[in-house]
Amino acid sequence: MTMKLYQPMLHVGLGGTGCRIGAELERRMREELCGPDGTEFQHLRPGADLLPYQLPSCVQFVYADVNRSELDGLPERVVPGRRHFAAAERTAHYVRDLVPEVPTYPEAARSLRLSAGDTVRNWLPPSTREPRVAPLDRGAGQFPTVGRAALFETFRSGIGPAVAPLREAINRIATSAGDLGVLGGSLPRSCDVFVSFSVAGGTGAGIFYDYLHLIARSFRGTGLRIKIYPLVLMPSAFDEGFGGGRSARLNAGRALLDIFRLVDDQNGREASLTLAHEPVPVHSDHEGAAVHYPVEGRVEIMPSTVQTAFLFSRPTGTDREDLHRSVVA
């Protein structure tokens, strides 16, 4: 094993593309850290109750998608056989509760207008000619508004369904000193967070902005300093009729504007006048950089947390699977 890891890493995959990128990264790290027979890291930690092909606890993965079948197929992508699913589950966490109880977008939108009008009024369009996407557990149909509406409908009683797997991953990272020490690190004091998604589709483009804030919110109070790095697949990565085309470019226009505004706010925000042991967000002039939820209220990311984003198009001569590998490489 030649890989060294000096601080913990969390990868969050959003939507179908983000989840496939995460699965490719997870598979590659398992090959590097666990070896061809899955026992290399296990031998470095005798008595630690590790399974073959189990990654160190300082490396965690979270997958979130409206499409449940996409989530169900991920374990087969990252370990060599069903008998090793238990090893994958110790470092992989699946957000399976993003689909609201109502089965269609019109029903979810109507519910939000009635129960959370103040928090959705500035982004949820009127019912006139709204998309008829159903069932929601099959995906957002390349409509970012549908993906975000499904997320917000699950938030009517709080953000728990979306952040519970995140918090479980963070708790494991916070107690990963033993595994991290074997890889060259020490006590976990900071964490790199990579968030992969496509701005061409519906789920990733619809929920990435919220998830960047939810990730930052979930780390607050843990004592871990974080840097969040969005890994963004552009519409040019997809062929016409297979996730690309005009709809993808329209989705990307709004999503990229949100990313650029967030990065600008992160790098140029004024200092807080509040003295506290734990830094607290300051209300910035760019109020649009924050998000608002029905129960949680206002959520804002601490400055300098998301300082840049990495944009990927498809390299010449690669297919869709090679595209996911190229991002990991």
Protein backbone atom coordinates (compact mmCIF):
# COMPACT_ATOMS: atom_id res chain seq x y z
CA MET A 1 0.00 0.00 0.00
CA THR A 2 1.59 3.26 -1.17
CA MET A 3 -1.24 5.72 -0.48
CA LYS A 4 -0.79 8.15 2.41
CA LEU A 5 -3.68 10.07 3.94
CA TYR A 6 -2.95 12.88 6.36
CA GLN A 7 -6.48 14.03 7.10
CA PRO A 8 -9.96 12.56 6.69
CA MET A 9 -11.94 12.74 3.46
CA LEU A 10 -15.69 12.79 2.87
CA HIS A 11 -17.20 12.40 -0.58
CA VAL A 12 -20.85 13.31 -1.18
CA GLY A 13 -22.38 12.19 -4.47
CA LEU A 14 -25.59 13.93 -5.56
CA GLY A 15 -27.91 12.62 -8.26
CA GLY A 16 -27.14 9.79 -10.66
CA THR A 17 -23.91 11.28 -12.02
CA GLY A 18 -22.57 12.30 -8.62
CA CYS A 19 -23.31 8.88 -7.18
CA ARG A 20 -21.51 7.12 -10.04
CA ILE A 21 -18.47 9.36 -9.57
CA GLY A 22 -18.49 8.54 -5.86
CA ALA A 23 -18.74 4.82 -6.58
CA GLU A 24 -15.76 5.01 -8.95
CA LEU A 25 -13.71 6.87 -6.33
CA GLU A 26 -14.73 4.40 -3.64
CA ARG A 27 -13.77 1.45 -5.82
CA ARG A 28 -10.40 2.99 -6.67
CA MET A 29 -9.58 3.75 -3.03
CA ARG A 30 -10.56 0.22 -2.06
CA GLU A 31 -8.19 -1.18 -4.67
CA GLU A 32 -5.37 1.04 -3.41
CA LEU A 33 -5.90 0.65 0.34
CA CYS A 34 -7.27 -2.89 0.62
CA GLY A 35 -5.26 -4.63 -2.09
CA PRO A 36 -6.34 -7.29 -4.58
CA ASP A 37 -7.68 -9.69 -1.95
CA GLY A 38 -9.19 -6.99 0.29
CA THR A 39 -7.02 -7.70 3.35
CA GLU A 40 -4.06 -5.31 3.04
CA PHE A 41 -5.43 -2.59 5.33
CA GLN A 42 -6.96 -5.24 7.58
CA HIS A 43 -3.46 -6.62 8.26
CA LEU A 44 -2.27 -3.14 9.30
CA ARG A 45 -4.96 -2.92 11.98
CA PRO A 46 -4.95 -6.26 13.84
CA GLY A 47 -7.64 -6.48 16.48
CA ALA A 48 -9.65 -3.60 14.93
CA ASP A 49 -12.55 -5.83 13.80
CA LEU A 50 -12.17 -4.92 10.15
CA LEU A 51 -13.79 -6.88 7.32
CA PRO A 52 -12.06 -7.74 4.04
CA TYR A 53 -12.43 -4.78 1.63
CA GLN A 54 -13.39 -2.43 4.47
CA LEU A 55 -11.99 1.06 3.98
CA PRO A 56 -10.47 3.02 6.88
CA SER A 57 -13.02 5.02 8.84
CA CYS A 58 -11.29 8.29 7.94
CA VAL A 59 -12.67 7.83 4.40
CA GLN A 60 -16.45 8.16 4.19
CA PHE A 61 -18.97 8.32 1.35
CA VAL A 62 -22.49 9.70 1.29
CA TYR A 63 -24.84 9.13 -1.66
CA ALA A 64 -28.04 11.11 -2.17
CA ASP A 65 -30.49 10.62 -5.02
CA VAL A 66 -34.21 10.87 -5.58
CA ASN A 67 -33.97 7.74 -7.74
CA ARG A 68 -33.97 4.89 -5.24
CA SER A 69 -33.04 2.23 -7.79
CA GLU A 70 -29.81 4.15 -8.47
CA LEU A 71 -28.92 4.00 -4.78
CA ASP A 72 -29.81 0.31 -4.55
CA GLY A 73 -27.33 -0.53 -7.30
CA LEU A 74 -24.33 1.29 -5.82
CA PRO A 75 -22.93 -1.47 -3.53
CA GLU A 76 -22.39 -3.74 -6.53
CA ARG A 77 -20.18 -1.08 -8.10
CA VAL A 78 -17.75 -0.77 -5.18
CA VAL A 79 -17.05 -4.29 -3.85
CA PRO A 80 -16.44 -7.61 -5.63
CA GLY A 81 -19.64 -9.44 -4.74
CA ARG A 82 -22.65 -9.34 -2.43
CA ARG A 83 -20.78 -11.11 0.35
CA HIS A 84 -18.75 -7.91 0.84
CA PHE A 85 -21.70 -5.50 1.03
CA ALA A 86 -21.32 -5.35 4.82
CA ALA A 87 -17.78 -4.00 4.41
CA ALA A 88 -19.00 -1.25 2.07
CA GLU A 89 -21.81 -0.25 4.44
CA ARG A 90 -19.33 0.65 7.19
CA THR A 91 -18.03 3.61 5.20
CA ALA A 92 -20.91 4.31 2.76
CA HIS A 93 -24.16 6.02 3.74
CA TYR A 94 -27.25 6.28 1.56
CA VAL A 95 -29.81 9.07 1.76
CA ARG A 96 -32.94 7.09 0.91
CA ASP A 97 -35.55 9.46 2.34
CA LEU A 98 -35.41 12.29 -0.20
CA VAL A 99 -38.64 11.15 -1.84
CA PRO A 100 -41.71 12.68 -0.16
CA GLU A 101 -44.84 10.73 0.64
CA VAL A 102 -46.70 12.28 -2.30
CA PRO A 103 -45.81 10.47 -5.54
CA THR A 104 -45.89 13.34 -8.07
CA TYR A 105 -44.31 16.76 -8.49
CA PRO A 106 -47.66 18.64 -8.80
CA GLU A 107 -48.73 17.20 -5.44
CA ALA A 108 -45.40 18.05 -3.81
CA ALA A 109 -45.52 21.60 -5.20
CA ARG A 110 -49.08 22.12 -4.02
CA SER A 111 -48.17 20.89 -0.54
CA LEU A 112 -45.23 23.30 -0.38
CA ARG A 113 -47.32 26.27 -1.51
CA LEU A 114 -49.84 25.54 1.23
CA SER A 115 -47.50 24.69 4.11
CA ALA A 116 -44.20 26.47 3.38
CA GLY A 117 -45.16 29.38 1.14
CA ASP A 118 -42.74 31.87 2.71
CA THR A 119 -39.68 29.65 2.18
CA VAL A 120 -40.43 28.52 -1.38
CA ARG A 121 -42.09 31.59 -2.87
CA ASN A 122 -38.88 32.96 -4.42
CA TRP A 123 -38.02 29.79 -6.36
CA LEU A 124 -41.07 27.54 -6.73
CA PRO A 125 -42.93 28.51 -9.94
CA PRO A 126 -46.73 28.76 -10.18
CA SER A 127 -48.78 25.73 -11.06
CA THR A 128 -49.50 26.93 -14.60
CA ARG A 129 -47.88 24.51 -17.05
CA GLU A 130 -45.80 22.88 -14.32
CA PRO A 131 -44.02 19.61 -15.23
CA ARG A 132 -45.99 16.40 -14.64
CA VAL A 133 -43.15 14.31 -13.23
CA ALA A 134 -44.23 11.02 -11.67
CA PRO A 135 -43.33 8.93 -9.80
CA LEU A 136 -40.76 10.98 -7.92
CA ASP A 137 -38.81 7.92 -6.79
CA ARG A 138 -37.72 7.42 -10.43
CA GLY A 139 -35.91 10.77 -10.56
CA ALA A 140 -36.52 14.45 -11.27
CA GLY A 141 -36.94 14.15 -15.03
CA GLN A 142 -34.14 16.66 -15.77
CA PHE A 143 -36.06 19.40 -13.94
CA PRO A 144 -33.95 20.95 -11.12
CA THR A 145 -37.08 22.51 -9.60
CA VAL A 146 -38.59 19.03 -9.25
CA GLY A 147 -35.48 17.77 -7.45
CA ARG A 148 -35.47 20.71 -5.05
CA ALA A 149 -39.22 20.50 -4.45
CA ALA A 150 -38.88 16.83 -3.49
CA LEU A 151 -36.10 17.78 -1.08
CA PHE A 152 -38.11 20.59 0.52
CA GLU A 153 -41.21 18.45 0.85
CA THR A 154 -39.19 16.01 2.97
CA PHE A 155 -38.06 19.02 5.07
CA ARG A 156 -41.55 19.96 6.25
CA SER A 157 -40.78 18.28 9.58
CA GLY A 158 -37.08 19.18 9.63
CA ILE A 159 -33.88 18.45 7.74
CA GLY A 160 -33.27 15.13 9.52
CA PRO A 161 -33.90 12.83 6.52
CA ALA A 162 -31.20 14.56 4.48
CA VAL A 163 -28.55 15.04 7.16
CA ALA A 164 -28.81 11.86 9.27
CA PRO A 165 -26.48 9.86 6.96
CA LEU A 166 -24.15 12.88 6.80
CA ARG A 167 -23.94 13.07 10.56
CA GLU A 168 -23.26 9.35 10.82
CA ALA A 169 -20.37 9.72 8.38
CA ILE A 170 -19.02 12.73 10.29
CA ASN A 171 -19.20 10.86 13.60
CA ARG A 172 -17.11 8.05 12.14
CA ILE A 173 -14.58 10.54 10.80
CA ALA A 174 -14.33 12.21 14.20
CA THR A 175 -13.34 8.88 15.80
CA SER A 176 -11.00 7.71 13.04
CA ALA A 177 -7.66 8.56 14.69
CA GLY A 178 -6.54 4.92 14.79
CA ASP A 179 -7.09 4.28 11.10
CA LEU A 180 -5.74 7.69 10.13
CA GLY A 181 -2.55 7.10 12.11
CA VAL A 182 -1.79 3.96 10.10
CA LEU A 183 -2.06 5.99 6.89
CA GLY A 184 0.31 8.74 8.05
CA GLY A 185 -2.02 11.20 9.76
CA SER A 186 -2.77 12.05 13.38
CA LEU A 187 -5.82 13.23 15.30
CA PRO A 188 -8.50 14.41 12.84
CA ARG A 189 -8.71 18.19 13.07
CA SER A 190 -9.82 19.04 9.54
CA CYS A 191 -11.58 17.30 6.69
CA ASP A 192 -11.66 17.66 2.92
CA VAL A 193 -15.19 17.33 1.53
CA PHE A 194 -15.71 16.61 -2.17
CA VAL A 195 -19.23 17.06 -3.55
CA SER A 196 -19.81 15.68 -7.05
CA PHE A 197 -22.85 16.36 -9.22
CA SER A 198 -23.95 17.29 -12.71
CA VAL A 199 -25.55 20.63 -13.53
CA ALA A 200 -27.18 19.12 -16.62
CA GLY A 201 -29.86 17.01 -14.94
CA GLY A 202 -32.61 17.43 -12.39
CA THR A 203 -31.54 15.98 -9.07
CA GLY A 204 -27.92 17.12 -8.88
CA ALA A 205 -28.63 20.59 -10.25
CA GLY A 206 -31.70 20.85 -8.03
CA ILE A 207 -30.24 19.89 -4.66
CA PHE A 208 -26.50 20.68 -4.81
CA TYR A 209 -26.85 24.22 -3.43
CA ASP A 210 -28.86 23.01 -0.46
CA TYR A 211 -26.47 20.15 0.19
CA LEU A 212 -23.43 22.42 0.26
CA HIS A 213 -25.17 24.31 3.07
CA LEU A 214 -26.39 21.16 4.81
CA ILE A 215 -22.89 19.67 4.80
CA ALA A 216 -21.43 22.83 6.35
CA ARG A 217 -24.27 22.89 8.91
CA SER A 218 -23.67 19.24 9.84
CA PHE A 219 -20.00 19.86 10.63
CA ARG A 220 -20.74 22.81 12.88
CA GLY A 221 -19.88 22.07 16.49
CA THR A 222 -17.77 18.98 15.68
CA GLY A 223 -14.42 20.76 16.06
CA LEU A 224 -13.43 19.73 12.53
CA ARG A 225 -12.41 22.46 10.10
CA ILE A 226 -13.60 21.75 6.59
CA LYS A 227 -12.97 22.75 3.01
CA ILE A 228 -15.70 21.88 0.51
CA TYR A 229 -14.77 21.26 -3.11
CA PRO A 230 -17.64 20.99 -5.63
CA LEU A 231 -16.82 18.66 -8.56
CA VAL A 232 -19.16 19.83 -11.31
CA LEU A 233 -19.90 17.98 -14.55
CA MET A 234 -20.87 20.34 -17.34
CA PRO A 235 -23.53 19.73 -20.03
CA SER A 236 -20.79 19.24 -22.61
CA ALA A 237 -20.00 15.97 -20.85
CA PHE A 238 -23.25 14.45 -22.12
CA ASP A 239 -24.51 13.62 -25.60
CA GLU A 240 -27.73 14.98 -27.04
CA GLY A 241 -30.56 12.73 -25.87
CA PHE A 242 -28.42 11.22 -23.09
CA GLY A 243 -28.48 14.05 -20.57
CA GLY A 244 -27.09 16.73 -22.88
CA GLY A 245 -28.64 19.24 -25.26
CA ARG A 246 -30.57 22.46 -24.79
CA SER A 247 -32.32 21.46 -21.56
CA ALA A 248 -28.99 20.56 -20.01
CA ARG A 249 -27.48 23.90 -21.00
CA LEU A 250 -30.44 25.81 -19.56
CA ASN A 251 -30.14 23.89 -16.28
CA ALA A 252 -26.42 24.59 -16.14
CA GLY A 253 -26.84 28.32 -16.70
CA ARG A 254 -28.76 28.84 -13.48
CA ALA A 255 -26.70 26.33 -11.50
CA LEU A 256 -23.38 27.88 -12.48
CA LEU A 257 -24.66 31.34 -11.62
CA ASP A 258 -25.50 30.07 -8.13
CA ILE A 259 -22.06 28.45 -7.78
CA PHE A 260 -20.22 31.59 -8.89
CA ARG A 261 -22.22 33.80 -6.55
CA LEU A 262 -21.55 31.45 -3.65
CA VAL A 263 -17.80 31.34 -4.36
CA ASP A 264 -17.70 35.14 -4.63
CA ASP A 265 -19.52 35.44 -1.30
CA GLN A 266 -17.21 32.89 0.33
CA ASN A 267 -14.08 34.73 -0.76
CA GLY A 268 -15.25 38.29 -0.19
CA ARG A 269 -17.57 38.32 2.81
CA GLU A 270 -17.18 40.90 5.55
CA ALA A 271 -15.96 39.88 8.99
CA SER A 272 -18.38 39.01 11.75
CA LEU A 273 -18.58 41.42 14.69
CA THR A 274 -19.60 38.61 17.04
CA LEU A 275 -16.90 37.25 19.36
CA ALA A 276 -17.39 33.56 20.02
CA HIS A 277 -15.35 30.39 20.55
CA GLU A 278 -17.22 28.79 17.65
CA PRO A 279 -17.37 31.03 14.56
CA VAL A 280 -20.87 31.89 13.47
CA PRO A 281 -22.02 32.93 10.01
CA VAL A 282 -22.52 36.64 9.42
CA HIS A 283 -25.45 37.95 7.40
CA SER A 284 -23.87 39.11 4.16
CA ASP A 285 -25.01 41.57 1.57
CA HIS A 286 -25.54 38.58 -0.70
CA GLU A 287 -28.59 37.30 1.16
CA GLY A 288 -29.11 34.91 -1.75
CA ALA A 289 -26.03 32.96 -0.63
CA ALA A 290 -28.01 31.60 2.33
CA VAL A 291 -30.87 29.11 2.25
CA HIS A 292 -34.07 29.05 4.26
CA TYR A 293 -35.98 25.96 5.42
CA PRO A 294 -39.46 25.56 6.95
CA VAL A 295 -38.24 24.28 10.35
CA GLU A 296 -34.47 24.88 10.44
CA GLY A 297 -34.77 28.47 9.25
CA ARG A 298 -31.77 30.30 7.80
CA VAL A 299 -28.60 28.30 7.03
CA GLU A 300 -25.39 29.95 5.82
CA ILE A 301 -21.92 28.62 5.14
CA MET A 302 -18.94 30.00 7.05
CA PRO A 303 -16.64 32.15 4.87
CA SER A 304 -13.71 30.47 3.07
CA THR A 305 -15.35 27.06 3.21
CA VAL A 306 -16.20 26.82 -0.52
CA GLN A 307 -13.46 28.89 -2.12
CA THR A 308 -13.58 27.37 -5.59
CA ALA A 309 -15.28 24.73 -7.74
CA PHE A 310 -13.87 22.35 -10.33
CA LEU A 311 -15.72 22.13 -13.66
CA PHE A 312 -15.38 19.05 -15.89
CA SER A 313 -16.30 18.46 -19.50
CA ARG A 314 -15.86 15.15 -21.30
CA PRO A 315 -12.39 14.54 -22.70
CA THR A 316 -12.21 13.64 -26.38
CA GLY A 317 -12.75 9.96 -27.11
CA THR A 318 -14.26 8.93 -23.77
CA ASP A 319 -17.60 7.25 -23.13
CA ARG A 320 -19.89 7.91 -20.15
CA GLU A 321 -18.17 5.43 -17.85
CA ASP A 322 -14.75 6.81 -18.78
CA LEU A 323 -16.11 10.25 -17.93
CA HIS A 324 -16.73 9.25 -14.31
CA ARG A 325 -13.26 7.71 -14.16
CA SER A 326 -11.66 10.85 -15.58
CA VAL A 327 -13.12 12.97 -12.77
CA VAL A 328 -11.70 10.57 -10.17
CA ALA A 329 -8.33 10.50 -11.89
